PDB file of all heavy atoms in Angstrom:
ATOM      1  N   ARG A   1     -14.905  -4.460  13.908  1.00  0.00           N
ATOM      2  CA  ARG A   1     -15.141  -5.489  12.896  1.00  0.00           C
ATOM      3  C   ARG A   1     -16.648  -5.726  12.674  1.00  0.00           C
ATOM      4  O   ARG A   1     -17.082  -5.983  11.539  1.00  0.00           O
ATOM      5  CB  ARG A   1     -14.459  -6.792  13.311  1.00  0.00           C
ATOM      6  CG  ARG A   1     -14.415  -7.851  12.212  1.00  0.00           C
ATOM      7  CD  ARG A   1     -13.813  -9.143  12.742  1.00  0.00           C
ATOM      8  NE  ARG A   1     -12.404  -9.026  13.046  1.00  0.00           N
ATOM      9  CZ  ARG A   1     -11.429  -9.440  12.231  1.00  0.00           C
ATOM     10  NH1 ARG A   1     -11.728  -9.986  11.062  1.00  0.00           N
ATOM     11  NH2 ARG A   1     -10.172  -9.318  12.598  1.00  0.00           N
ATOM     12  N   ASN A   2     -17.438  -5.655  13.729  1.00  0.00           N
ATOM     13  CA  ASN A   2     -18.880  -5.926  13.578  1.00  0.00           C
ATOM     14  C   ASN A   2     -19.539  -4.918  12.650  1.00  0.00           C
ATOM     15  O   ASN A   2     -20.437  -5.270  11.868  1.00  0.00           O
ATOM     16  CB  ASN A   2     -19.578  -5.928  14.945  1.00  0.00           C
ATOM     17  CG  ASN A   2     -19.595  -4.558  15.598  1.00  0.00           C
ATOM     18  OD1 ASN A   2     -18.556  -3.901  15.669  1.00  0.00           O
ATOM     19  ND2 ASN A   2     -20.753  -4.114  16.084  1.00  0.00           N
ATOM     20  N   ILE A   3     -19.102  -3.649  12.718  1.00  0.00           N
ATOM     21  CA  ILE A   3     -19.673  -2.622  11.831  1.00  0.00           C
ATOM     22  C   ILE A   3     -19.321  -2.932  10.382  1.00  0.00           C
ATOM     23  O   ILE A   3     -20.162  -2.823   9.475  1.00  0.00           O
ATOM     24  CB  ILE A   3     -19.175  -1.224  12.233  1.00  0.00           C
ATOM     25  CG1 ILE A   3     -19.668  -0.871  13.645  1.00  0.00           C
ATOM     26  CG2 ILE A   3     -19.628  -0.166  11.234  1.00  0.00           C
ATOM     27  CD1 ILE A   3     -19.152   0.454  14.169  1.00  0.00           C
ATOM     28  N   ILE A   4     -18.070  -3.333  10.165  1.00  0.00           N
ATOM     29  CA  ILE A   4     -17.605  -3.640   8.814  1.00  0.00           C
ATOM     30  C   ILE A   4     -18.344  -4.864   8.266  1.00  0.00           C
ATOM     31  O   ILE A   4     -18.811  -4.875   7.111  1.00  0.00           O
ATOM     32  CB  ILE A   4     -16.081  -3.884   8.808  1.00  0.00           C
ATOM     33  CG1 ILE A   4     -15.334  -2.614   9.196  1.00  0.00           C
ATOM     34  CG2 ILE A   4     -15.620  -4.379   7.435  1.00  0.00           C
ATOM     35  CD1 ILE A   4     -15.514  -1.453   8.237  1.00  0.00           C
ATOM     36  N   GLU A   5     -18.468  -5.903   9.070  1.00  0.00           N
ATOM     37  CA  GLU A   5     -19.138  -7.133   8.616  1.00  0.00           C
ATOM     38  C   GLU A   5     -20.610  -6.875   8.296  1.00  0.00           C
ATOM     39  O   GLU A   5     -21.148  -7.394   7.307  1.00  0.00           O
ATOM     40  CB  GLU A   5     -19.012  -8.224   9.676  1.00  0.00           C
ATOM     41  CG  GLU A   5     -17.592  -8.725   9.909  1.00  0.00           C
ATOM     42  CD  GLU A   5     -17.043  -9.536   8.742  1.00  0.00           C
ATOM     43  OE1 GLU A   5     -17.741  -9.705   7.720  1.00  0.00           O
ATOM     44  OE2 GLU A   5     -15.888  -9.984   8.839  1.00  0.00           O
ATOM     45  N   ASN A   6     -21.252  -6.057   9.129  1.00  0.00           N
ATOM     46  CA  ASN A   6     -22.675  -5.791   8.918  1.00  0.00           C
ATOM     47  C   ASN A   6     -22.931  -4.878   7.721  1.00  0.00           C
ATOM     48  O   ASN A   6     -24.037  -4.856   7.172  1.00  0.00           O
ATOM     49  CB  ASN A   6     -23.303  -5.170  10.160  1.00  0.00           C
ATOM     50  CG  ASN A   6     -23.372  -6.149  11.317  1.00  0.00           C
ATOM     51  OD1 ASN A   6     -23.417  -7.368  11.115  1.00  0.00           O
ATOM     52  ND2 ASN A   6     -23.370  -5.634  12.540  1.00  0.00           N
ATOM     53  N   GLY A   7     -21.911  -4.123   7.317  1.00  0.00           N
ATOM     54  CA  GLY A   7     -22.130  -3.187   6.207  1.00  0.00           C
ATOM     55  C   GLY A   7     -21.177  -3.374   5.049  1.00  0.00           C
ATOM     56  O   GLY A   7     -20.989  -2.453   4.251  1.00  0.00           O
ATOM     57  N   LYS A   8     -20.597  -4.557   4.934  1.00  0.00           N
ATOM     58  CA  LYS A   8     -19.548  -4.752   3.929  1.00  0.00           C
ATOM     59  C   LYS A   8     -20.065  -4.640   2.502  1.00  0.00           C
ATOM     60  O   LYS A   8     -19.293  -4.396   1.570  1.00  0.00           O
ATOM     61  CB  LYS A   8     -18.850  -6.086   4.143  1.00  0.00           C
ATOM     62  CG  LYS A   8     -19.710  -7.314   3.951  1.00  0.00           C
ATOM     63  CD  LYS A   8     -18.874  -8.568   4.231  1.00  0.00           C
ATOM     64  CE  LYS A   8     -19.707  -9.830   4.067  1.00  0.00           C
ATOM     65  NZ  LYS A   8     -18.890 -11.034   4.356  1.00  0.00           N
ATOM     66  N   GLU A   9     -21.369  -4.806   2.320  1.00  0.00           N
ATOM     67  CA  GLU A   9     -21.914  -4.678   0.967  1.00  0.00           C
ATOM     68  C   GLU A   9     -21.785  -3.250   0.445  1.00  0.00           C
ATOM     69  O   GLU A   9     -21.888  -3.012  -0.777  1.00  0.00           O
ATOM     70  CB  GLU A   9     -23.386  -5.129   0.936  1.00  0.00           C
ATOM     71  CG  GLU A   9     -24.367  -4.215   1.657  1.00  0.00           C
ATOM     72  CD  GLU A   9     -24.396  -4.447   3.169  1.00  0.00           C
ATOM     73  OE1 GLU A   9     -23.704  -5.382   3.648  1.00  0.00           O
ATOM     74  OE2 GLU A   9     -25.115  -3.704   3.851  1.00  0.00           O
ATOM     75  N   ARG A  10     -21.564  -2.293   1.345  1.00  0.00           N
ATOM     76  CA  ARG A  10     -21.405  -0.898   0.932  1.00  0.00           C
ATOM     77  C   ARG A  10     -19.951  -0.550   0.582  1.00  0.00           C
ATOM     78  O   ARG A  10     -19.669   0.567   0.155  1.00  0.00           O
ATOM     79  CB  ARG A  10     -21.898   0.038   2.032  1.00  0.00           C
ATOM     80  CG  ARG A  10     -23.368  -0.168   2.371  1.00  0.00           C
ATOM     81  CD  ARG A  10     -23.837   0.773   3.450  1.00  0.00           C
ATOM     82  NE  ARG A  10     -25.214   0.468   3.844  1.00  0.00           N
ATOM     83  CZ  ARG A  10     -25.899   1.127   4.792  1.00  0.00           C
ATOM     84  NH1 ARG A  10     -25.312   2.124   5.430  1.00  0.00           N
ATOM     85  NH2 ARG A  10     -27.131   0.775   5.079  1.00  0.00           N
ATOM     86  N   LEU A  11     -19.065  -1.517   0.825  1.00  0.00           N
ATOM     87  CA  LEU A  11     -17.652  -1.317   0.503  1.00  0.00           C
ATOM     88  C   LEU A  11     -17.306  -2.061  -0.777  1.00  0.00           C
ATOM     89  O   LEU A  11     -17.957  -3.044  -1.134  1.00  0.00           O
ATOM     90  CB  LEU A  11     -16.769  -1.845   1.643  1.00  0.00           C
ATOM     91  CG  LEU A  11     -17.024  -1.302   3.044  1.00  0.00           C
ATOM     92  CD1 LEU A  11     -16.072  -1.976   4.036  1.00  0.00           C
ATOM     93  CD2 LEU A  11     -16.857   0.215   3.093  1.00  0.00           C
ATOM     94  N   THR A  12     -16.262  -1.581  -1.443  1.00  0.00           N
ATOM     95  CA  THR A  12     -15.750  -2.341  -2.571  1.00  0.00           C
ATOM     96  C   THR A  12     -15.002  -3.555  -2.033  1.00  0.00           C
ATOM     97  O   THR A  12     -14.540  -3.546  -0.886  1.00  0.00           O
ATOM     98  CB  THR A  12     -14.789  -1.490  -3.419  1.00  0.00           C
ATOM     99  OG1 THR A  12     -13.617  -1.212  -2.653  1.00  0.00           O
ATOM    100  CG2 THR A  12     -15.444  -0.191  -3.857  1.00  0.00           C
ATOM    101  N   PRO A  13     -14.866  -4.609  -2.828  1.00  0.00           N
ATOM    102  CA  PRO A  13     -14.100  -5.772  -2.367  1.00  0.00           C
ATOM    103  C   PRO A  13     -12.683  -5.402  -1.933  1.00  0.00           C
ATOM    104  O   PRO A  13     -12.167  -5.962  -0.964  1.00  0.00           O
ATOM    105  CB  PRO A  13     -14.091  -6.688  -3.598  1.00  0.00           C
ATOM    106  CG  PRO A  13     -15.326  -6.319  -4.341  1.00  0.00           C
ATOM    107  CD  PRO A  13     -15.494  -4.844  -4.149  1.00  0.00           C
ATOM    108  N   LYS A  14     -12.063  -4.453  -2.634  1.00  0.00           N
ATOM    109  CA  LYS A  14     -10.702  -4.044  -2.287  1.00  0.00           C
ATOM    110  C   LYS A  14     -10.659  -3.362  -0.924  1.00  0.00           C
ATOM    111  O   LYS A  14      -9.762  -3.614  -0.115  1.00  0.00           O
ATOM    112  CB  LYS A  14     -10.150  -3.111  -3.357  1.00  0.00           C
ATOM    113  CG  LYS A  14      -8.705  -2.704  -3.116  1.00  0.00           C
ATOM    114  CD  LYS A  14      -8.192  -1.812  -4.251  1.00  0.00           C
ATOM    115  CE  LYS A  14      -6.739  -1.413  -3.999  1.00  0.00           C
ATOM    116  NZ  LYS A  14      -6.227  -0.540  -5.095  1.00  0.00           N
ATOM    117  N   GLU A  15     -11.649  -2.496  -0.642  1.00  0.00           N
ATOM    118  CA  GLU A  15     -11.700  -1.802   0.647  1.00  0.00           C
ATOM    119  C   GLU A  15     -11.895  -2.794   1.786  1.00  0.00           C
ATOM    120  O   GLU A  15     -11.236  -2.712   2.830  1.00  0.00           O
ATOM    121  CB  GLU A  15     -12.832  -0.767   0.642  1.00  0.00           C
ATOM    122  CG  GLU A  15     -12.540   0.439  -0.230  1.00  0.00           C
ATOM    123  CD  GLU A  15     -13.772   1.293  -0.490  1.00  0.00           C
ATOM    124  OE1 GLU A  15     -14.909   0.798  -0.248  1.00  0.00           O
ATOM    125  OE2 GLU A  15     -13.612   2.432  -0.949  1.00  0.00           O
ATOM    126  N   TYR A  16     -12.799  -3.732   1.587  1.00  0.00           N
ATOM    127  CA  TYR A  16     -13.046  -4.747   2.617  1.00  0.00           C
ATOM    128  C   TYR A  16     -11.796  -5.599   2.841  1.00  0.00           C
ATOM    129  O   TYR A  16     -11.416  -5.864   3.993  1.00  0.00           O
ATOM    130  CB  TYR A  16     -14.216  -5.628   2.198  1.00  0.00           C
ATOM    131  CG  TYR A  16     -14.505  -6.767   3.150  1.00  0.00           C
ATOM    132  CD1 TYR A  16     -15.159  -6.540   4.359  1.00  0.00           C
ATOM    133  CD2 TYR A  16     -14.089  -8.061   2.852  1.00  0.00           C
ATOM    134  CE1 TYR A  16     -15.415  -7.578   5.242  1.00  0.00           C
ATOM    135  CE2 TYR A  16     -14.328  -9.112   3.731  1.00  0.00           C
ATOM    136  CZ  TYR A  16     -14.990  -8.867   4.925  1.00  0.00           C
ATOM    137  OH  TYR A  16     -15.227  -9.896   5.806  1.00  0.00           O
ATOM    138  N   GLU A  17     -11.140  -5.999   1.761  1.00  0.00           N
ATOM    139  CA  GLU A  17      -9.941  -6.828   1.876  1.00  0.00           C
ATOM    140  C   GLU A  17      -8.823  -6.088   2.608  1.00  0.00           C
ATOM    141  O   GLU A  17      -8.165  -6.658   3.489  1.00  0.00           O
ATOM    142  CB  GLU A  17      -9.469  -7.240   0.477  1.00  0.00           C
ATOM    143  CG  GLU A  17      -8.206  -8.094   0.488  1.00  0.00           C
ATOM    144  CD  GLU A  17      -7.690  -8.370  -0.912  1.00  0.00           C
ATOM    145  OE1 GLU A  17      -8.301  -7.902  -1.901  1.00  0.00           O
ATOM    146  OE2 GLU A  17      -6.646  -9.041  -1.020  1.00  0.00           O
ATOM    147  N   GLN A  18      -8.621  -4.812   2.253  1.00  0.00           N
ATOM    148  CA  GLN A  18      -7.567  -4.027   2.916  1.00  0.00           C
ATOM    149  C   GLN A  18      -7.882  -3.836   4.392  1.00  0.00           C
ATOM    150  O   GLN A  18      -6.989  -3.918   5.240  1.00  0.00           O
ATOM    151  CB  GLN A  18      -7.411  -2.670   2.228  1.00  0.00           C
ATOM    152  CG  GLN A  18      -6.748  -2.743   0.867  1.00  0.00           C
ATOM    153  CD  GLN A  18      -6.542  -1.369   0.254  1.00  0.00           C
ATOM    154  OE1 GLN A  18      -7.163  -0.395   0.658  1.00  0.00           O
ATOM    155  NE2 GLN A  18      -5.668  -1.301  -0.744  1.00  0.00           N
ATOM    156  N   TYR A  19      -9.143  -3.570   4.712  1.00  0.00           N
ATOM    157  CA  TYR A  19      -9.543  -3.393   6.119  1.00  0.00           C
ATOM    158  C   TYR A  19      -9.224  -4.647   6.912  1.00  0.00           C
ATOM    159  O   TYR A  19      -8.652  -4.588   8.017  1.00  0.00           O
ATOM    160  CB  TYR A  19     -11.026  -3.056   6.223  1.00  0.00           C
ATOM    161  CG  TYR A  19     -11.450  -2.654   7.627  1.00  0.00           C
ATOM    162  CD1 TYR A  19     -11.625  -1.309   7.947  1.00  0.00           C
ATOM    163  CD2 TYR A  19     -11.659  -3.604   8.624  1.00  0.00           C
ATOM    164  CE1 TYR A  19     -12.005  -0.926   9.232  1.00  0.00           C
ATOM    165  CE2 TYR A  19     -12.026  -3.240   9.910  1.00  0.00           C
ATOM    166  CZ  TYR A  19     -12.195  -1.898  10.211  1.00  0.00           C
ATOM    167  OH  TYR A  19     -12.553  -1.531  11.484  1.00  0.00           O
ATOM    168  N   MET A  20      -9.587  -5.811   6.375  1.00  0.00           N
ATOM    169  CA  MET A  20      -9.384  -7.066   7.089  1.00  0.00           C
ATOM    170  C   MET A  20      -7.900  -7.410   7.215  1.00  0.00           C
ATOM    171  O   MET A  20      -7.473  -7.983   8.225  1.00  0.00           O
ATOM    172  CB  MET A  20     -10.140  -8.198   6.397  1.00  0.00           C
ATOM    173  CG  MET A  20     -11.640  -8.092   6.570  1.00  0.00           C
ATOM    174  SD  MET A  20     -12.108  -8.023   8.330  1.00  0.00           S
ATOM    175  CE  MET A  20     -13.829  -7.536   8.225  1.00  0.00           C
ATOM    176  N   LYS A  21      -7.112  -7.067   6.226  1.00  0.00           N
ATOM    177  CA  LYS A  21      -5.673  -7.291   6.321  1.00  0.00           C
ATOM    178  C   LYS A  21      -5.078  -6.498   7.481  1.00  0.00           C
ATOM    179  O   LYS A  21      -4.242  -7.002   8.238  1.00  0.00           O
ATOM    180  CB  LYS A  21      -4.978  -6.898   5.010  1.00  0.00           C
ATOM    181  CG  LYS A  21      -4.999  -7.966   3.943  1.00  0.00           C
ATOM    182  CD  LYS A  21      -4.112  -7.560   2.769  1.00  0.00           C
ATOM    183  CE  LYS A  21      -4.012  -8.684   1.756  1.00  0.00           C
ATOM    184  NZ  LYS A  21      -3.111  -8.323   0.631  1.00  0.00           N
ATOM    185  N   ILE A  22      -5.516  -5.261   7.612  1.00  0.00           N
ATOM    186  CA  ILE A  22      -5.011  -4.435   8.718  1.00  0.00           C
ATOM    187  C   ILE A  22      -5.497  -4.989  10.051  1.00  0.00           C
ATOM    188  O   ILE A  22      -4.730  -5.091  11.016  1.00  0.00           O
ATOM    189  CB  ILE A  22      -5.449  -2.963   8.533  1.00  0.00           C
ATOM    190  CG1 ILE A  22      -4.803  -2.380   7.281  1.00  0.00           C
ATOM    191  CG2 ILE A  22      -5.066  -2.136   9.768  1.00  0.00           C
ATOM    192  CD1 ILE A  22      -5.343  -1.025   6.865  1.00  0.00           C
ATOM    193  N   ALA A  23      -6.758  -5.374  10.129  1.00  0.00           N
ATOM    194  CA  ALA A  23      -7.320  -5.924  11.374  1.00  0.00           C
ATOM    195  C   ALA A  23      -6.638  -7.217  11.773  1.00  0.00           C
ATOM    196  O   ALA A  23      -6.507  -7.515  12.969  1.00  0.00           O
ATOM    197  CB  ALA A  23      -8.819  -6.146  11.216  1.00  0.00           C
ATOM    198  N   ASP A  24      -6.163  -7.983  10.799  1.00  0.00           N
ATOM    199  CA  ASP A  24      -5.538  -9.282  11.071  1.00  0.00           C
ATOM    200  C   ASP A  24      -4.007  -9.204  11.095  1.00  0.00           C
ATOM    201  O   ASP A  24      -3.343 -10.258  11.082  1.00  0.00           O
ATOM    202  CB  ASP A  24      -5.979 -10.299  10.011  1.00  0.00           C
ATOM    203  CG  ASP A  24      -7.475 -10.605  10.085  1.00  0.00           C
ATOM    204  OD1 ASP A  24      -8.041 -10.481  11.196  1.00  0.00           O
ATOM    205  OD2 ASP A  24      -8.064 -10.941   9.040  1.00  0.00           O
ATOM    206  N   GLU A  25      -3.462  -7.985  11.111  1.00  0.00           N
ATOM    207  CA  GLU A  25      -2.015  -7.749  11.168  1.00  0.00           C
ATOM    208  C   GLU A  25      -1.271  -8.351   9.971  1.00  0.00           C
ATOM    209  O   GLU A  25      -0.126  -8.788  10.075  1.00  0.00           O
ATOM    210  CB  GLU A  25      -1.411  -8.309  12.472  1.00  0.00           C
ATOM    211  CG  GLU A  25      -1.994  -7.696  13.726  1.00  0.00           C
ATOM    212  CD  GLU A  25      -1.433  -8.331  14.990  1.00  0.00           C
ATOM    213  OE1 GLU A  25      -0.293  -8.837  14.947  1.00  0.00           O
ATOM    214  OE2 GLU A  25      -2.143  -8.333  16.009  1.00  0.00           O
ATOM    215  N   GLU A  26      -1.921  -8.348   8.824  1.00  0.00           N
ATOM    216  CA  GLU A  26      -1.323  -8.908   7.620  1.00  0.00           C
ATOM    217  C   GLU A  26      -0.981  -7.838   6.587  1.00  0.00           C
ATOM    218  O   GLU A  26      -0.466  -8.159   5.511  1.00  0.00           O
ATOM    219  CB  GLU A  26      -2.284  -9.931   6.992  1.00  0.00           C
ATOM    220  CG  GLU A  26      -2.549 -11.148   7.887  1.00  0.00           C
ATOM    221  CD  GLU A  26      -3.594 -12.074   7.315  1.00  0.00           C
ATOM    222  OE1 GLU A  26      -4.201 -11.701   6.272  1.00  0.00           O
ATOM    223  OE2 GLU A  26      -3.811 -13.157   7.892  1.00  0.00           O
ATOM    224  N   ALA A  27      -1.232  -6.582   6.894  1.00  0.00           N
ATOM    225  CA  ALA A  27      -0.994  -5.500   5.944  1.00  0.00           C
ATOM    226  C   ALA A  27       0.483  -5.153   5.879  1.00  0.00           C
ATOM    227  O   ALA A  27       1.223  -5.318   6.858  1.00  0.00           O
ATOM    228  CB  ALA A  27      -1.808  -4.271   6.343  1.00  0.00           C
ATOM    229  N   ASP A  28       0.918  -4.644   4.718  1.00  0.00           N
ATOM    230  CA  ASP A  28       2.298  -4.163   4.622  1.00  0.00           C
ATOM    231  C   ASP A  28       2.368  -2.740   5.160  1.00  0.00           C
ATOM    232  O   ASP A  28       1.346  -2.108   5.453  1.00  0.00           O
ATOM    233  CB  ASP A  28       2.816  -4.254   3.182  1.00  0.00           C
ATOM    234  CG  ASP A  28       1.972  -3.439   2.188  1.00  0.00           C
ATOM    235  OD1 ASP A  28       1.458  -2.372   2.574  1.00  0.00           O
ATOM    236  OD2 ASP A  28       1.835  -3.884   1.030  1.00  0.00           O
ATOM    237  N   GLN A  29       3.606  -2.227   5.268  1.00  0.00           N
ATOM    238  CA  GLN A  29       3.772  -0.923   5.905  1.00  0.00           C
ATOM    239  C   GLN A  29       3.093   0.189   5.107  1.00  0.00           C
ATOM    240  O   GLN A  29       2.545   1.137   5.695  1.00  0.00           O
ATOM    241  CB  GLN A  29       5.261  -0.602   6.093  1.00  0.00           C
ATOM    242  CG  GLN A  29       5.490   0.650   6.925  1.00  0.00           C
ATOM    243  CD  GLN A  29       6.938   0.951   7.187  1.00  0.00           C
ATOM    244  OE1 GLN A  29       7.374   2.101   7.087  1.00  0.00           O
ATOM    245  NE2 GLN A  29       7.731  -0.059   7.523  1.00  0.00           N
ATOM    246  N   ARG A  30       3.085   0.090   3.806  1.00  0.00           N
ATOM    247  CA  ARG A  30       2.437   1.111   2.988  1.00  0.00           C
ATOM    248  C   ARG A  30       0.945   1.181   3.310  1.00  0.00           C
ATOM    249  O   ARG A  30       0.376   2.281   3.417  1.00  0.00           O
ATOM    250  CB  ARG A  30       2.661   0.772   1.512  1.00  0.00           C
ATOM    251  CG  ARG A  30       2.066   1.772   0.535  1.00  0.00           C
ATOM    252  CD  ARG A  30       2.516   1.451  -0.887  1.00  0.00           C
ATOM    253  NE  ARG A  30       2.230   0.061  -1.206  1.00  0.00           N
ATOM    254  CZ  ARG A  30       1.056  -0.376  -1.681  1.00  0.00           C
ATOM    255  NH1 ARG A  30       0.064   0.483  -1.870  1.00  0.00           N
ATOM    256  NH2 ARG A  30       0.877  -1.649  -1.958  1.00  0.00           N
ATOM    257  N   GLN A  31       0.312   0.035   3.506  1.00  0.00           N
ATOM    258  CA  GLN A  31      -1.116   0.012   3.843  1.00  0.00           C
ATOM    259  C   GLN A  31      -1.376   0.513   5.255  1.00  0.00           C
ATOM    260  O   GLN A  31      -2.372   1.190   5.507  1.00  0.00           O
ATOM    261  CB  GLN A  31      -1.649  -1.417   3.671  1.00  0.00           C
ATOM    262  CG  GLN A  31      -1.672  -1.892   2.236  1.00  0.00           C
ATOM    263  CD  GLN A  31      -1.961  -3.380   2.115  1.00  0.00           C
ATOM    264  OE1 GLN A  31      -1.516  -4.176   2.950  1.00  0.00           O
ATOM    265  NE2 GLN A  31      -2.694  -3.776   1.082  1.00  0.00           N
ATOM    266  N   VAL A  32      -0.464   0.201   6.169  1.00  0.00           N
ATOM    267  CA  VAL A  32      -0.621   0.676   7.549  1.00  0.00           C
ATOM    268  C   VAL A  32      -0.499   2.189   7.607  1.00  0.00           C
ATOM    269  O   VAL A  32      -1.223   2.864   8.355  1.00  0.00           O
ATOM    270  CB  VAL A  32       0.421   0.009   8.471  1.00  0.00           C
ATOM    271  CG1 VAL A  32       0.373   0.617   9.869  1.00  0.00           C
ATOM    272  CG2 VAL A  32       0.174  -1.497   8.550  1.00  0.00           C
ATOM    273  N   ARG A  33       0.399   2.759   6.809  1.00  0.00           N
ATOM    274  CA  ARG A  33       0.560   4.219   6.786  1.00  0.00           C
ATOM    275  C   ARG A  33      -0.743   4.913   6.371  1.00  0.00           C
ATOM    276  O   ARG A  33      -1.035   6.013   6.842  1.00  0.00           O
ATOM    277  CB  ARG A  33       1.685   4.610   5.829  1.00  0.00           C
ATOM    278  CG  ARG A  33       3.085   4.312   6.345  1.00  0.00           C
ATOM    279  CD  ARG A  33       4.133   4.552   5.273  1.00  0.00           C
ATOM    280  NE  ARG A  33       5.467   4.199   5.737  1.00  0.00           N
ATOM    281  CZ  ARG A  33       6.459   5.078   5.937  1.00  0.00           C
ATOM    282  NH1 ARG A  33       6.242   6.357   5.735  1.00  0.00           N
ATOM    283  NH2 ARG A  33       7.637   4.673   6.342  1.00  0.00           N
ATOM    284  N   ALA A  34      -1.516   4.289   5.515  1.00  0.00           N
ATOM    285  CA  ALA A  34      -2.772   4.884   5.030  1.00  0.00           C
ATOM    286  C   ALA A  34      -3.987   4.359   5.780  1.00  0.00           C
ATOM    287  O   ALA A  34      -5.132   4.616   5.377  1.00  0.00           O
ATOM    288  CB  ALA A  34      -2.918   4.601   3.540  1.00  0.00           C
ATOM    289  N   SER A  35      -3.768   3.655   6.885  1.00  0.00           N
ATOM    290  CA  SER A  35      -4.859   2.921   7.539  1.00  0.00           C
ATOM    291  C   SER A  35      -5.933   3.821   8.136  1.00  0.00           C
ATOM    292  O   SER A  35      -7.127   3.502   8.066  1.00  0.00           O
ATOM    293  CB  SER A  35      -4.286   2.006   8.630  1.00  0.00           C
ATOM    294  OG  SER A  35      -3.577   2.767   9.603  1.00  0.00           O
ATOM    295  N   LEU A  36      -5.562   4.941   8.722  1.00  0.00           N
ATOM    296  CA  LEU A  36      -6.563   5.783   9.390  1.00  0.00           C
ATOM    297  C   LEU A  36      -7.508   6.433   8.382  1.00  0.00           C
ATOM    298  O   LEU A  36      -8.704   6.607   8.659  1.00  0.00           O
ATOM    299  CB  LEU A  36      -5.867   6.851  10.238  1.00  0.00           C
ATOM    300  CG  LEU A  36      -4.931   6.331  11.339  1.00  0.00           C
ATOM    301  CD1 LEU A  36      -4.476   7.473  12.244  1.00  0.00           C
ATOM    302  CD2 LEU A  36      -5.587   5.236  12.164  1.00  0.00           C
ATOM    303  N   LYS A  37      -6.972   6.770   7.224  1.00  0.00           N
ATOM    304  CA  LYS A  37      -7.846   7.309   6.179  1.00  0.00           C
ATOM    305  C   LYS A  37      -8.789   6.225   5.668  1.00  0.00           C
ATOM    306  O   LYS A  37      -9.985   6.475   5.428  1.00  0.00           O
ATOM    307  CB  LYS A  37      -7.015   7.869   5.042  1.00  0.00           C
ATOM    308  CG  LYS A  37      -7.850   8.551   3.965  1.00  0.00           C
ATOM    309  CD  LYS A  37      -6.978   9.218   2.924  1.00  0.00           C
ATOM    310  CE  LYS A  37      -7.836   9.949   1.891  1.00  0.00           C
ATOM    311  NZ  LYS A  37      -6.997  10.635   0.871  1.00  0.00           N
ATOM    312  N   LEU A  38      -8.275   4.996   5.491  1.00  0.00           N
ATOM    313  CA  LEU A  38      -9.118   3.887   5.057  1.00  0.00           C
ATOM    314  C   LEU A  38     -10.232   3.631   6.072  1.00  0.00           C
ATOM    315  O   LEU A  38     -11.397   3.428   5.701  1.00  0.00           O
ATOM    316  CB  LEU A  38      -8.279   2.624   4.886  1.00  0.00           C
ATOM    317  CG  LEU A  38      -9.073   1.341   4.567  1.00  0.00           C
ATOM    318  CD1 LEU A  38      -9.703   1.434   3.187  1.00  0.00           C
ATOM    319  CD2 LEU A  38      -8.190   0.112   4.687  1.00  0.00           C
ATOM    320  N   PHE A  39      -9.889   3.654   7.366  1.00  0.00           N
ATOM    321  CA  PHE A  39     -10.891   3.448   8.414  1.00  0.00           C
ATOM    322  C   PHE A  39     -12.005   4.480   8.283  1.00  0.00           C
ATOM    323  O   PHE A  39     -13.202   4.139   8.305  1.00  0.00           O
ATOM    324  CB  PHE A  39     -10.218   3.565   9.789  1.00  0.00           C
ATOM    325  CG  PHE A  39     -11.157   3.400  10.944  1.00  0.00           C
ATOM    326  CD1 PHE A  39     -11.347   2.159  11.537  1.00  0.00           C
ATOM    327  CD2 PHE A  39     -11.863   4.478  11.455  1.00  0.00           C
ATOM    328  CE1 PHE A  39     -12.222   2.003  12.603  1.00  0.00           C
ATOM    329  CE2 PHE A  39     -12.736   4.340  12.520  1.00  0.00           C
ATOM    330  CZ  PHE A  39     -12.917   3.088  13.102  1.00  0.00           C
ATOM    331  N   SER A  40     -11.635   5.747   8.128  1.00  0.00           N
ATOM    332  CA  SER A  40     -12.623   6.824   8.048  1.00  0.00           C
ATOM    333  C   SER A  40     -13.520   6.660   6.830  1.00  0.00           C
ATOM    334  O   SER A  40     -14.750   6.858   6.906  1.00  0.00           O
ATOM    335  CB  SER A  40     -11.905   8.176   7.987  1.00  0.00           C
ATOM    336  OG  SER A  40     -11.020   8.338   9.077  1.00  0.00           O
ATOM    337  N   LYS A  41     -12.928   6.291   5.716  1.00  0.00           N
ATOM    338  CA  LYS A  41     -13.701   6.122   4.480  1.00  0.00           C
ATOM    339  C   LYS A  41     -14.691   4.975   4.607  1.00  0.00           C
ATOM    340  O   LYS A  41     -15.870   5.099   4.223  1.00  0.00           O
ATOM    341  CB  LYS A  41     -12.752   5.888   3.311  1.00  0.00           C
ATOM    342  CG  LYS A  41     -13.450   5.793   1.968  1.00  0.00           C
ATOM    343  CD  LYS A  41     -12.441   5.586   0.846  1.00  0.00           C
ATOM    344  CE  LYS A  41     -13.124   5.520  -0.514  1.00  0.00           C
ATOM    345  NZ  LYS A  41     -12.140   5.312  -1.611  1.00  0.00           N
ATOM    346  N   CYS A  42     -14.220   3.848   5.145  1.00  0.00           N
ATOM    347  CA  CYS A  42     -15.102   2.691   5.308  1.00  0.00           C
ATOM    348  C   CYS A  42     -16.256   3.000   6.247  1.00  0.00           C
ATOM    349  O   CYS A  42     -17.417   2.627   5.990  1.00  0.00           O
ATOM    350  CB  CYS A  42     -14.305   1.496   5.813  1.00  0.00           C
ATOM    351  SG  CYS A  42     -13.136   0.814   4.611  1.00  0.00           S
ATOM    352  N   MET A  43     -15.947   3.677   7.356  1.00  0.00           N
ATOM    353  CA  MET A  43     -16.997   4.010   8.320  1.00  0.00           C
ATOM    354  C   MET A  43     -18.019   4.970   7.719  1.00  0.00           C
ATOM    355  O   MET A  43     -19.230   4.846   7.957  1.00  0.00           O
ATOM    356  CB  MET A  43     -16.373   4.615   9.586  1.00  0.00           C
ATOM    357  CG  MET A  43     -15.614   3.618  10.419  1.00  0.00           C
ATOM    358  SD  MET A  43     -16.707   2.337  11.071  1.00  0.00           S
ATOM    359  CE  MET A  43     -15.540   1.012  11.369  1.00  0.00           C
ATOM    360  N   TYR A  44     -17.559   5.901   6.910  1.00  0.00           N
ATOM    361  CA  TYR A  44     -18.492   6.846   6.285  1.00  0.00           C
ATOM    362  C   TYR A  44     -19.406   6.131   5.298  1.00  0.00           C
ATOM    363  O   TYR A  44     -20.622   6.384   5.251  1.00  0.00           O
ATOM    364  CB  TYR A  44     -17.731   7.955   5.573  1.00  0.00           C
ATOM    365  CG  TYR A  44     -18.645   8.964   4.923  1.00  0.00           C
ATOM    366  CD1 TYR A  44     -19.238   9.971   5.681  1.00  0.00           C
ATOM    367  CD2 TYR A  44     -18.959   8.878   3.560  1.00  0.00           C
ATOM    368  CE1 TYR A  44     -20.118  10.883   5.094  1.00  0.00           C
ATOM    369  CE2 TYR A  44     -19.827   9.775   2.967  1.00  0.00           C
ATOM    370  CZ  TYR A  44     -20.404  10.785   3.746  1.00  0.00           C
ATOM    371  OH  TYR A  44     -21.272  11.677   3.154  1.00  0.00           O
TER     372      TYR A  44
END
């Protein structure tokens, strides 16, 4: 989370929102299925 918070300006609002939903266990199953790709994209 610290990496995401410190660099969130480099993410789109949608990417940041989806990341936080997954981190807070609020994502639906469709988002969880795609979560590892989202993680990689955000980190890059």
